[in-house]
PDB file of N, CA and C in Angstrom:
ATOM      1  N   MET A   1      17.364  11.902  14.439  1.00  0.00           N
ATOM      2  CA  MET A   1      16.242  11.505  14.721  1.00  0.00           C
ATOM      3  C   MET A   1      16.386  10.648  15.946  1.00  0.00           C
ATOM      4  N   ARG A   2      15.692  10.951  17.017  1.00  0.00           N
ATOM      5  CA  ARG A   2      15.759  10.025  18.183  1.00  0.00           C
ATOM      6  C   ARG A   2      14.596   9.266  18.461  1.00  0.00           C
ATOM      7  N   VAL A   3      14.651   8.050  18.896  1.00  0.00           N
ATOM      8  CA  VAL A   3      13.594   7.190  19.176  1.00  0.00           C
ATOM      9  C   VAL A   3      13.328   7.367  20.583  1.00  0.00           C
ATOM     10  N   THR A   4      11.982   7.454  20.906  1.00  0.00           N
ATOM     11  CA  THR A   4      11.427   7.471  22.297  1.00  0.00           C
ATOM     12  C   THR A   4      11.523   6.239  22.936  1.00  0.00           C
ATOM     13  N   GLU A   5      11.385   6.343  24.214  1.00  0.00           N
ATOM     14  CA  GLU A   5      11.239   5.042  25.084  1.00  0.00           C
ATOM     15  C   GLU A   5      10.203   4.158  24.621  1.00  0.00           C
ATOM     16  N   LYS A   6       9.041   4.561  23.944  1.00  0.00           N
ATOM     17  CA  LYS A   6       8.047   4.034  23.510  1.00  0.00           C
ATOM     18  C   LYS A   6       8.295   3.391  22.147  1.00  0.00           C
ATOM     19  N   GLY A   7       9.288   3.925  21.643  1.00  0.00           N
ATOM     20  CA  GLY A   7       9.686   3.268  20.224  1.00  0.00           C
ATOM     21  C   GLY A   7       9.061   4.177  19.029  1.00  0.00           C
ATOM     22  N   GLN A   8       8.710   5.463  19.453  1.00  0.00           N
ATOM     23  CA  GLN A   8       8.058   6.514  18.595  1.00  0.00           C
ATOM     24  C   GLN A   8       9.308   7.339  17.989  1.00  0.00           C
ATOM     25  N   VAL A   9       9.042   7.702  16.809  1.00  0.00           N
ATOM     26  CA  VAL A   9       9.792   8.772  15.841  1.00  0.00           C
ATOM     27  C   VAL A   9       8.862   9.830  15.405  1.00  0.00           C
ATOM     28  N   THR A  10       9.376  10.897  15.075  1.00  0.00           N
ATOM     29  CA  THR A  10       8.607  11.956  14.563  1.00  0.00           C
ATOM     30  C   THR A  10       8.876  11.906  13.078  1.00  0.00           C
ATOM     31  N   ILE A  11       7.948  11.929  12.097  1.00  0.00           N
ATOM     32  CA  ILE A  11       8.380  11.903  10.846  1.00  0.00           C
ATOM     33  C   ILE A  11       8.566  13.303  10.493  1.00  0.00           C
ATOM     34  N   PRO A  12       9.520  13.728   9.653  1.00  0.00           N
ATOM     35  CA  PRO A  12       9.745  15.186   9.361  1.00  0.00           C
ATOM     36  C   PRO A  12       8.670  15.774   8.570  1.00  0.00           C
ATOM     37  N   LYS A  13       8.433  17.072   8.701  1.00  0.00           N
ATOM     38  CA  LYS A  13       7.336  17.507   7.936  1.00  0.00           C
ATOM     39  C   LYS A  13       7.689  17.600   6.378  1.00  0.00           C
ATOM     40  N   GLU A  14       8.862  17.737   5.921  1.00  0.00           N
ATOM     41  CA  GLU A  14       9.162  17.636   4.500  1.00  0.00           C
ATOM     42  C   GLU A  14       8.777  16.336   4.007  1.00  0.00           C
ATOM     43  N   ILE A  15       9.071  15.196   4.727  1.00  0.00           N
ATOM     44  CA  ILE A  15       8.762  14.024   4.191  1.00  0.00           C
ATOM     45  C   ILE A  15       7.045  13.652   4.172  1.00  0.00           C
ATOM     46  N   ARG A  16       6.568  14.190   5.382  1.00  0.00           N
ATOM     47  CA  ARG A  16       5.115  14.104   5.535  1.00  0.00           C
ATOM     48  C   ARG A  16       4.377  14.862   4.318  1.00  0.00           C
ATOM     49  N   ASP A  17       4.672  15.941   4.058  1.00  0.00           N
ATOM     50  CA  ASP A  17       4.261  16.709   2.972  1.00  0.00           C
ATOM     51  C   ASP A  17       4.460  15.964   1.603  1.00  0.00           C
ATOM     52  N   ARG A  18       5.588  15.542   1.207  1.00  0.00           N
ATOM     53  CA  ARG A  18       5.969  14.988  -0.010  1.00  0.00           C
ATOM     54  C   ARG A  18       5.141  13.642  -0.164  1.00  0.00           C
ATOM     55  N   LEU A  19       4.910  12.896   0.887  1.00  0.00           N
ATOM     56  CA  LEU A  19       4.196  11.558   0.703  1.00  0.00           C
ATOM     57  C   LEU A  19       2.730  11.773   0.910  1.00  0.00           C
ATOM     58  N   GLY A  20       2.251  13.041   1.424  1.00  0.00           N
ATOM     59  CA  GLY A  20       0.761  13.132   1.671  1.00  0.00           C
ATOM     60  C   GLY A  20       0.547  12.409   3.093  1.00  0.00           C
ATOM     61  N   ILE A  21       1.278  12.403   4.045  1.00  0.00           N
ATOM     62  CA  ILE A  21       0.907  11.792   5.229  1.00  0.00           C
ATOM     63  C   ILE A  21       0.324  12.950   5.995  1.00  0.00           C
ATOM     64  N   VAL A  22      -0.689  12.596   6.402  1.00  0.00           N
ATOM     65  CA  VAL A  22      -1.595  13.487   7.310  1.00  0.00           C
ATOM     66  C   VAL A  22      -2.196  12.717   8.536  1.00  0.00           C
ATOM     67  N   PRO A  23      -2.576  13.501   9.653  1.00  0.00           N
ATOM     68  CA  PRO A  23      -3.185  12.521  10.662  1.00  0.00           C
ATOM     69  C   PRO A  23      -4.201  11.598  10.278  1.00  0.00           C
ATOM     70  N   GLY A  24      -3.952  10.353  10.669  1.00  0.00           N
ATOM     71  CA  GLY A  24      -4.889   9.281  10.244  1.00  0.00           C
ATOM     72  C   GLY A  24      -4.398   8.397   9.258  1.00  0.00           C
ATOM     73  N   SER A  25      -3.418   8.905   8.556  1.00  0.00           N
ATOM     74  CA  SER A  25      -2.847   8.056   7.512  1.00  0.00           C
ATOM     75  C   SER A  25      -2.069   6.901   7.970  1.00  0.00           C
ATOM     76  N   GLU A  26      -2.077   5.863   7.232  1.00  0.00           N
ATOM     77  CA  GLU A  26      -1.469   4.462   7.602  1.00  0.00           C
ATOM     78  C   GLU A  26      -0.197   4.637   6.922  1.00  0.00           C
ATOM     79  N   VAL A  27       0.827   4.175   7.866  1.00  0.00           N
ATOM     80  CA  VAL A  27       2.159   3.889   7.284  1.00  0.00           C
ATOM     81  C   VAL A  27       2.628   2.662   7.602  1.00  0.00           C
ATOM     82  N   GLU A  28       3.871   2.271   7.093  1.00  0.00           N
ATOM     83  CA  GLU A  28       4.262   1.038   7.695  1.00  0.00           C
ATOM     84  C   GLU A  28       5.930   0.967   7.477  1.00  0.00           C
ATOM     85  N   PHE A  29       6.655   0.521   8.310  1.00  0.00           N
ATOM     86  CA  PHE A  29       8.193   0.357   8.101  1.00  0.00           C
ATOM     87  C   PHE A  29       8.398  -0.977   7.635  1.00  0.00           C
ATOM     88  N   ILE A  30       9.277  -1.172   6.584  1.00  0.00           N
ATOM     89  CA  ILE A  30       9.653  -2.345   6.035  1.00  0.00           C
ATOM     90  C   ILE A  30      11.152  -2.578   6.281  1.00  0.00           C
ATOM     91  N   ALA A  31      11.386  -3.768   6.917  1.00  0.00           N
ATOM     92  CA  ALA A  31      13.024  -3.819   7.192  1.00  0.00           C
ATOM     93  C   ALA A  31      13.491  -4.438   5.663  1.00  0.00           C
ATOM     94  N   LYS A  32      14.568  -3.801   5.321  1.00  0.00           N
ATOM     95  CA  LYS A  32      15.400  -3.918   4.186  1.00  0.00           C
ATOM     96  C   LYS A  32      16.824  -4.120   4.399  1.00  0.00           C
ATOM     97  N   ASP A  33      17.388  -5.207   4.286  1.00  0.00           N
ATOM     98  CA  ASP A  33      18.866  -5.377   4.795  1.00  0.00           C
ATOM     99  C   ASP A  33      18.997  -4.730   6.087  1.00  0.00           C
ATOM    100  N   ASP A  34      20.068  -3.735   6.125  1.00  0.00           N
ATOM    101  CA  ASP A  34      20.317  -2.944   7.410  1.00  0.00           C
ATOM    102  C   ASP A  34      19.472  -1.643   7.536  1.00  0.00           C
ATOM    103  N   ALA A  35      18.387  -1.362   6.695  1.00  0.00           N
ATOM    104  CA  ALA A  35      17.568  -0.269   6.698  1.00  0.00           C
ATOM    105  C   ALA A  35      16.085  -0.455   6.902  1.00  0.00           C
ATOM    106  N   ALA A  36      15.532   0.463   7.257  1.00  0.00           N
ATOM    107  CA  ALA A  36      13.982   0.591   7.296  1.00  0.00           C
ATOM    108  C   ALA A  36      13.410   1.423   6.500  1.00  0.00           C
ATOM    109  N   LEU A  37      12.477   1.193   5.672  1.00  0.00           N
ATOM    110  CA  LEU A  37      11.759   1.985   4.770  1.00  0.00           C
ATOM    111  C   LEU A  37      10.489   2.333   5.305  1.00  0.00           C
ATOM    112  N   LEU A  38      10.088   3.797   5.353  1.00  0.00           N
ATOM    113  CA  LEU A  38       8.788   4.283   5.586  1.00  0.00           C
ATOM    114  C   LEU A  38       7.990   4.346   4.291  1.00  0.00           C
ATOM    115  N   VAL A  39       6.784   3.573   4.445  1.00  0.00           N
ATOM    116  CA  VAL A  39       5.851   3.576   3.231  1.00  0.00           C
ATOM    117  C   VAL A  39       4.570   3.995   3.637  1.00  0.00           C
ATOM    118  N   LYS A  40       3.921   4.797   2.821  1.00  0.00           N
ATOM    119  CA  LYS A  40       2.485   5.343   3.195  1.00  0.00           C
ATOM    120  C   LYS A  40       1.686   4.027   2.568  1.00  0.00           C
ATOM    121  N   VAL A  41       0.721   3.513   3.363  1.00  0.00           N
ATOM    122  CA  VAL A  41       0.021   2.425   2.822  1.00  0.00           C
ATOM    123  C   VAL A  41      -1.319   2.874   2.138  1.00  0.00           C
ATOM    124  N   ASN A  42      -1.421   2.412   1.002  1.00  0.00           N
ATOM    125  CA  ASN A  42      -2.796   2.578   0.485  1.00  0.00           C
ATOM    126  C   ASN A  42      -3.447   1.129  -0.177  1.00  0.00           C
ATOM    127  N   GLU A  43      -4.592   1.171  -0.537  1.00  0.00           N
ATOM    128  CA  GLU A  43      -5.295  -0.172  -0.928  1.00  0.00           C
ATOM    129  C   GLU A  43      -4.219  -0.820  -1.959  1.00  0.00           C
ATOM    130  N   ASN A  44      -3.664  -0.134  -3.056  1.00  0.00           N
ATOM    131  CA  ASN A  44      -2.900  -0.708  -4.031  1.00  0.00           C
ATOM    132  C   ASN A  44      -1.626  -1.348  -3.368  1.00  0.00           C
ATOM    133  N   SER A  45      -0.983  -0.691  -2.592  1.00  0.00           N
ATOM    134  CA  SER A  45       0.480  -1.225  -2.103  1.00  0.00           C
ATOM    135  C   SER A  45       0.160  -2.346  -1.098  1.00  0.00           C
ATOM    136  N   LEU A  46      -1.035  -2.442  -0.273  1.00  0.00           N
ATOM    137  CA  LEU A  46      -1.312  -3.534   0.268  1.00  0.00           C
ATOM    138  C   LEU A  46      -1.535  -4.693  -0.456  1.00  0.00           C
ATOM    139  N   GLN A  47      -2.264  -4.647  -1.665  1.00  0.00           N
ATOM    140  CA  GLN A  47      -2.592  -5.847  -2.631  1.00  0.00           C
ATOM    141  C   GLN A  47      -1.258  -6.277  -3.175  1.00  0.00           C
ATOM    142  N   ILE A  48      -0.415  -5.398  -3.584  1.00  0.00           N
ATOM    143  CA  ILE A  48       0.918  -5.687  -4.140  1.00  0.00           C
ATOM    144  C   ILE A  48       1.630  -6.354  -3.209  1.00  0.00           C
ATOM    145  N   ARG A  49       1.931  -5.859  -1.993  1.00  0.00           N
ATOM    146  CA  ARG A  49       2.796  -6.554  -0.894  1.00  0.00           C
ATOM    147  C   ARG A  49       2.290  -7.852  -0.619  1.00  0.00           C
ATOM    148  N   ASN A  50       0.679  -7.867  -0.528  1.00  0.00           N
ATOM    149  CA  ASN A  50       0.260  -9.245  -0.073  1.00  0.00           C
ATOM    150  C   ASN A  50       0.579 -10.225  -1.097  1.00  0.00           C
ATOM    151  N   PHE A  51       0.387  -9.862  -2.484  1.00  0.00           N
ATOM    152  CA  PHE A  51       0.804 -10.949  -3.564  1.00  0.00           C
ATOM    153  C   PHE A  51       2.150 -11.308  -3.404  1.00  0.00           C
ATOM    154  N   GLU A  52       3.012 -10.212  -3.205  1.00  0.00           N
ATOM    155  CA  GLU A  52       4.556 -10.592  -3.259  1.00  0.00           C
ATOM    156  C   GLU A  52       4.906 -11.603  -1.990  1.00  0.00           C
ATOM    157  N   GLU A  53       4.248 -11.172  -0.974  1.00  0.00           N
ATOM    158  CA  GLU A  53       4.490 -12.043   0.134  1.00  0.00           C
ATOM    159  C   GLU A  53       3.867 -13.709  -0.067  1.00  0.00           C
ATOM    160  N   TRP A  54       2.801 -13.576  -0.479  1.00  0.00           N
ATOM    161  CA  TRP A  54       2.098 -15.010  -1.056  1.00  0.00           C
ATOM    162  C   TRP A  54       3.105 -15.587  -2.090  1.00  0.00           C
ATOM    163  N   ALA A  55       3.527 -15.085  -2.975  1.00  0.00           N
ATOM    164  CA  ALA A  55       4.335 -15.534  -4.127  1.00  0.00           C
ATOM    165  C   ALA A  55       5.801 -16.090  -3.389  1.00  0.00           C
ATOM    166  N   ALA A  56       6.395 -15.293  -2.457  1.00  0.00           N
ATOM    167  CA  ALA A  56       7.508 -15.595  -1.843  1.00  0.00           C
ATOM    168  C   ALA A  56       7.298 -16.940  -0.954  1.00  0.00           C
ATOM    169  N   SER A  57       6.161 -16.964  -0.289  1.00  0.00           N
ATOM    170  CA  SER A  57       5.825 -18.200   0.556  1.00  0.00           C
ATOM    171  C   SER A  57       5.727 -19.452  -0.195  1.00  0.00           C
ATOM    172  N   VAL A  58       5.264 -19.488  -1.470  1.00  0.00           N
ATOM    173  CA  VAL A  58       5.069 -20.560  -2.220  1.00  0.00           C
ATOM    174  C   VAL A  58       5.931 -20.873  -3.172  1.00  0.00           C
ATOM    175  N   GLU A  59       7.036 -20.179  -3.385  1.00  0.00           N
ATOM    176  CA  GLU A  59       8.204 -20.311  -4.308  1.00  0.00           C
ATOM    177  C   GLU A  59       8.814 -21.534  -3.984  1.00  0.00           C
ATOM    178  N   GLY A  60       8.931 -22.515  -5.108  1.00  0.00           N
ATOM    179  CA  GLY A  60       9.800 -23.685  -4.880  1.00  0.00           C
ATOM    180  C   GLY A  60       8.996 -24.813  -4.430  1.00  0.00           C
ATOM    181  N   LEU A  61       7.570 -24.450  -4.230  1.00  0.00           N
ATOM    182  CA  LEU A  61       6.801 -25.779  -3.552  1.00  0.00           C
ATOM    183  C   LEU A  61       6.152 -26.556  -4.710  1.00  0.00           C
ATOM    184  N   LEU A  62       6.195 -26.161  -5.961  1.00  0.00           N
ATOM    185  CA  LEU A  62       5.436 -26.899  -7.102  1.00  0.00           C
ATOM    186  C   LEU A  62       6.577 -27.517  -7.878  1.00  0.00           C
ATOM    187  N   ASP A  63       6.653 -28.939  -7.794  1.00  0.00           N
ATOM    188  CA  ASP A  63       7.556 -29.815  -8.571  1.00  0.00           C
ATOM    189  C   ASP A  63       6.864 -30.292  -9.761  1.00  0.00           C
ATOM    190  N   LEU A  64       7.067 -30.057 -10.978  1.00  0.00           N
ATOM    191  CA  LEU A  64       6.621 -30.225 -12.212  1.00  0.00           C
ATOM    192  C   LEU A  64       7.076 -31.551 -12.793  1.00  0.00           C
ATOM    193  N   ASP A  65       7.857 -32.098 -11.836  1.00  0.00           N
ATOM    194  CA  ASP A  65       8.773 -33.226 -12.566  1.00  0.00           C
ATOM    195  C   ASP A  65       9.192 -33.414 -13.890  1.00  0.00           C
ATOM    196  N   GLY A  66       9.724 -32.162 -14.203  1.00  0.00           N
ATOM    197  CA  GLY A  66      10.380 -32.210 -15.706  1.00  0.00           C
ATOM    198  C   GLY A  66       9.289 -31.686 -16.569  1.00  0.00           C
ATOM    199  N   MET A  67       8.153 -31.520 -16.261  1.00  0.00           N
ATOM    200  CA  MET A  67       6.891 -31.105 -17.392  1.00  0.00           C
ATOM    201  C   MET A  67       7.361 -29.831 -17.820  1.00  0.00           C
ATOM    202  N   THR A  68       6.937 -29.383 -19.170  1.00  0.00           N
ATOM    203  CA  THR A  68       7.081 -28.206 -19.683  1.00  0.00           C
ATOM    204  C   THR A  68       5.902 -27.263 -19.235  1.00  0.00           C
ATOM    205  N   THR A  69       5.903 -25.910 -19.433  1.00  0.00           N
ATOM    206  CA  THR A  69       4.685 -25.260 -19.255  1.00  0.00           C
ATOM    207  C   THR A  69       3.495 -25.838 -19.885  1.00  0.00           C
ATOM    208  N   ASP A  70       3.520 -26.049 -21.181  1.00  0.00           N
ATOM    209  CA  ASP A  70       2.293 -26.653 -21.997  1.00  0.00           C
ATOM    210  C   ASP A  70       1.943 -28.127 -21.712  1.00  0.00           C
ATOM    211  N   GLU A  71       2.774 -28.750 -21.171  1.00  0.00           N
ATOM    212  CA  GLU A  71       2.307 -30.038 -20.697  1.00  0.00           C
ATOM    213  C   GLU A  71       1.845 -29.954 -19.290  1.00  0.00           C
ATOM    214  N   TYR A  72       2.218 -29.123 -18.476  1.00  0.00           N
ATOM    215  CA  TYR A  72       1.762 -29.010 -17.079  1.00  0.00           C
ATOM    216  C   TYR A  72       0.285 -28.505 -17.474  1.00  0.00           C
ATOM    217  N   MET A  73      -0.052 -27.375 -18.185  1.00  0.00           N
ATOM    218  CA  MET A  73      -1.175 -26.908 -18.605  1.00  0.00           C
ATOM    219  C   MET A  73      -2.262 -27.779 -19.028  1.00  0.00           C
ATOM    220  N   GLU A  74      -1.747 -28.707 -19.982  1.00  0.00           N
ATOM    221  CA  GLU A  74      -2.682 -29.653 -20.696  1.00  0.00           C
ATOM    222  C   GLU A  74      -3.109 -30.821 -19.270  1.00  0.00           C
ATOM    223  N   TRP A  75      -1.968 -31.022 -18.626  1.00  0.00           N
ATOM    224  CA  TRP A  75      -2.332 -31.923 -17.424  1.00  0.00           C
ATOM    225  C   TRP A  75      -3.289 -31.241 -16.534  1.00  0.00           C
ATOM    226  N   LEU A  76      -3.235 -30.012 -16.144  1.00  0.00           N
ATOM    227  CA  LEU A  76      -4.074 -29.462 -15.310  1.00  0.00           C
ATOM    228  C   LEU A  76      -5.610 -29.067 -15.703  1.00  0.00           C
ATOM    229  N   ARG A  77      -5.657 -28.750 -16.927  1.00  0.00           N
ATOM    230  CA  ARG A  77      -6.831 -28.408 -17.714  1.00  0.00           C
ATOM    231  C   ARG A  77      -7.669 -29.543 -18.337  1.00  0.00           C
ATOM    232  N   GLY A  78      -6.720 -30.641 -18.911  1.00  0.00           N
ATOM    233  CA  GLY A  78      -7.082 -31.888 -19.663  1.00  0.00           C
ATOM    234  C   GLY A  78      -6.878 -31.218 -21.204  1.00  0.00           C
ATOM    235  N   PRO A  79      -7.017 -32.341 -22.001  1.00  0.00           N
ATOM    236  CA  PRO A  79      -6.808 -32.013 -23.456  1.00  0.00           C
ATOM    237  C   PRO A  79      -7.774 -30.846 -24.126  1.00  0.00           C
ATOM    238  N   ARG A  80      -7.203 -30.172 -24.785  1.00  0.00           N
ATOM    239  CA  ARG A  80      -8.145 -28.909 -25.564  1.00  0.00           C
ATOM    240  C   ARG A  80      -8.387 -29.451 -26.855  1.00  0.00           C
ATOM    241  N   GLU A  81      -9.343 -30.106 -27.345  1.00  0.00           N
ATOM    242  CA  GLU A  81      -9.800 -30.589 -28.543  1.00  0.00           C
ATOM    243  C   GLU A  81     -10.139 -29.526 -29.546  1.00  0.00           C
ATOM    244  N   ASP A  82     -10.536 -28.170 -28.908  1.00  0.00           N
ATOM    245  CA  ASP A  82     -11.048 -27.143 -29.711  1.00  0.00           C
ATOM    246  C   ASP A  82      -9.832 -26.342 -30.274  1.00  0.00           C
ATOM    247  N   LEU A  83      -8.555 -26.714 -29.928  1.00  0.00           N
ATOM    248  CA  LEU A  83      -7.470 -26.082 -30.497  1.00  0.00           C
ATOM    249  C   LEU A  83      -6.987 -26.829 -31.708  1.00  0.00           C
ATOM    250  N   ASP A  84      -6.504 -26.015 -32.612  1.00  0.00           N
ATOM    251  CA  ASP A  84      -5.974 -26.813 -34.040  1.00  0.00           C
ATOM    252  C   ASP A  84      -4.621 -26.851 -33.765  1.00  0.00           C
ATOM    253  N   ARG A  85      -4.104 -28.091 -33.568  1.00  0.00           N
ATOM    254  CA  ARG A  85      -2.642 -28.364 -33.327  1.00  0.00           C
ATOM    255  C   ARG A  85      -2.105 -28.882 -34.608  1.00  0.00           C
ATOM    256  N   HIS A  86      -1.410 -28.249 -35.316  1.00  0.00           N
ATOM    257  CA  HIS A  86      -0.792 -28.452 -36.544  1.00  0.00           C
ATOM    258  C   HIS A  86       0.556 -28.946 -36.384  1.00  0.00           C
TER     259      HIS A  86
END
């Protein structure tokens, strides 16, 4: 497949049919290592990608200063006196 001067490529019919890509469909190219993946965009894939991008962007920003998850949740919410702690 050859890229035009405008950076365009033709998606082969077999792939369009398999993915249900029709005129007006939204697609996206995603760079992965030394490859590009063609993805048909739908509402669910946008939400997942956006969450994954957000999660990657905040990774490592929260320093719990050695607190466990339970200690952090209690610090965040305050003590829970309605829980039976034996």
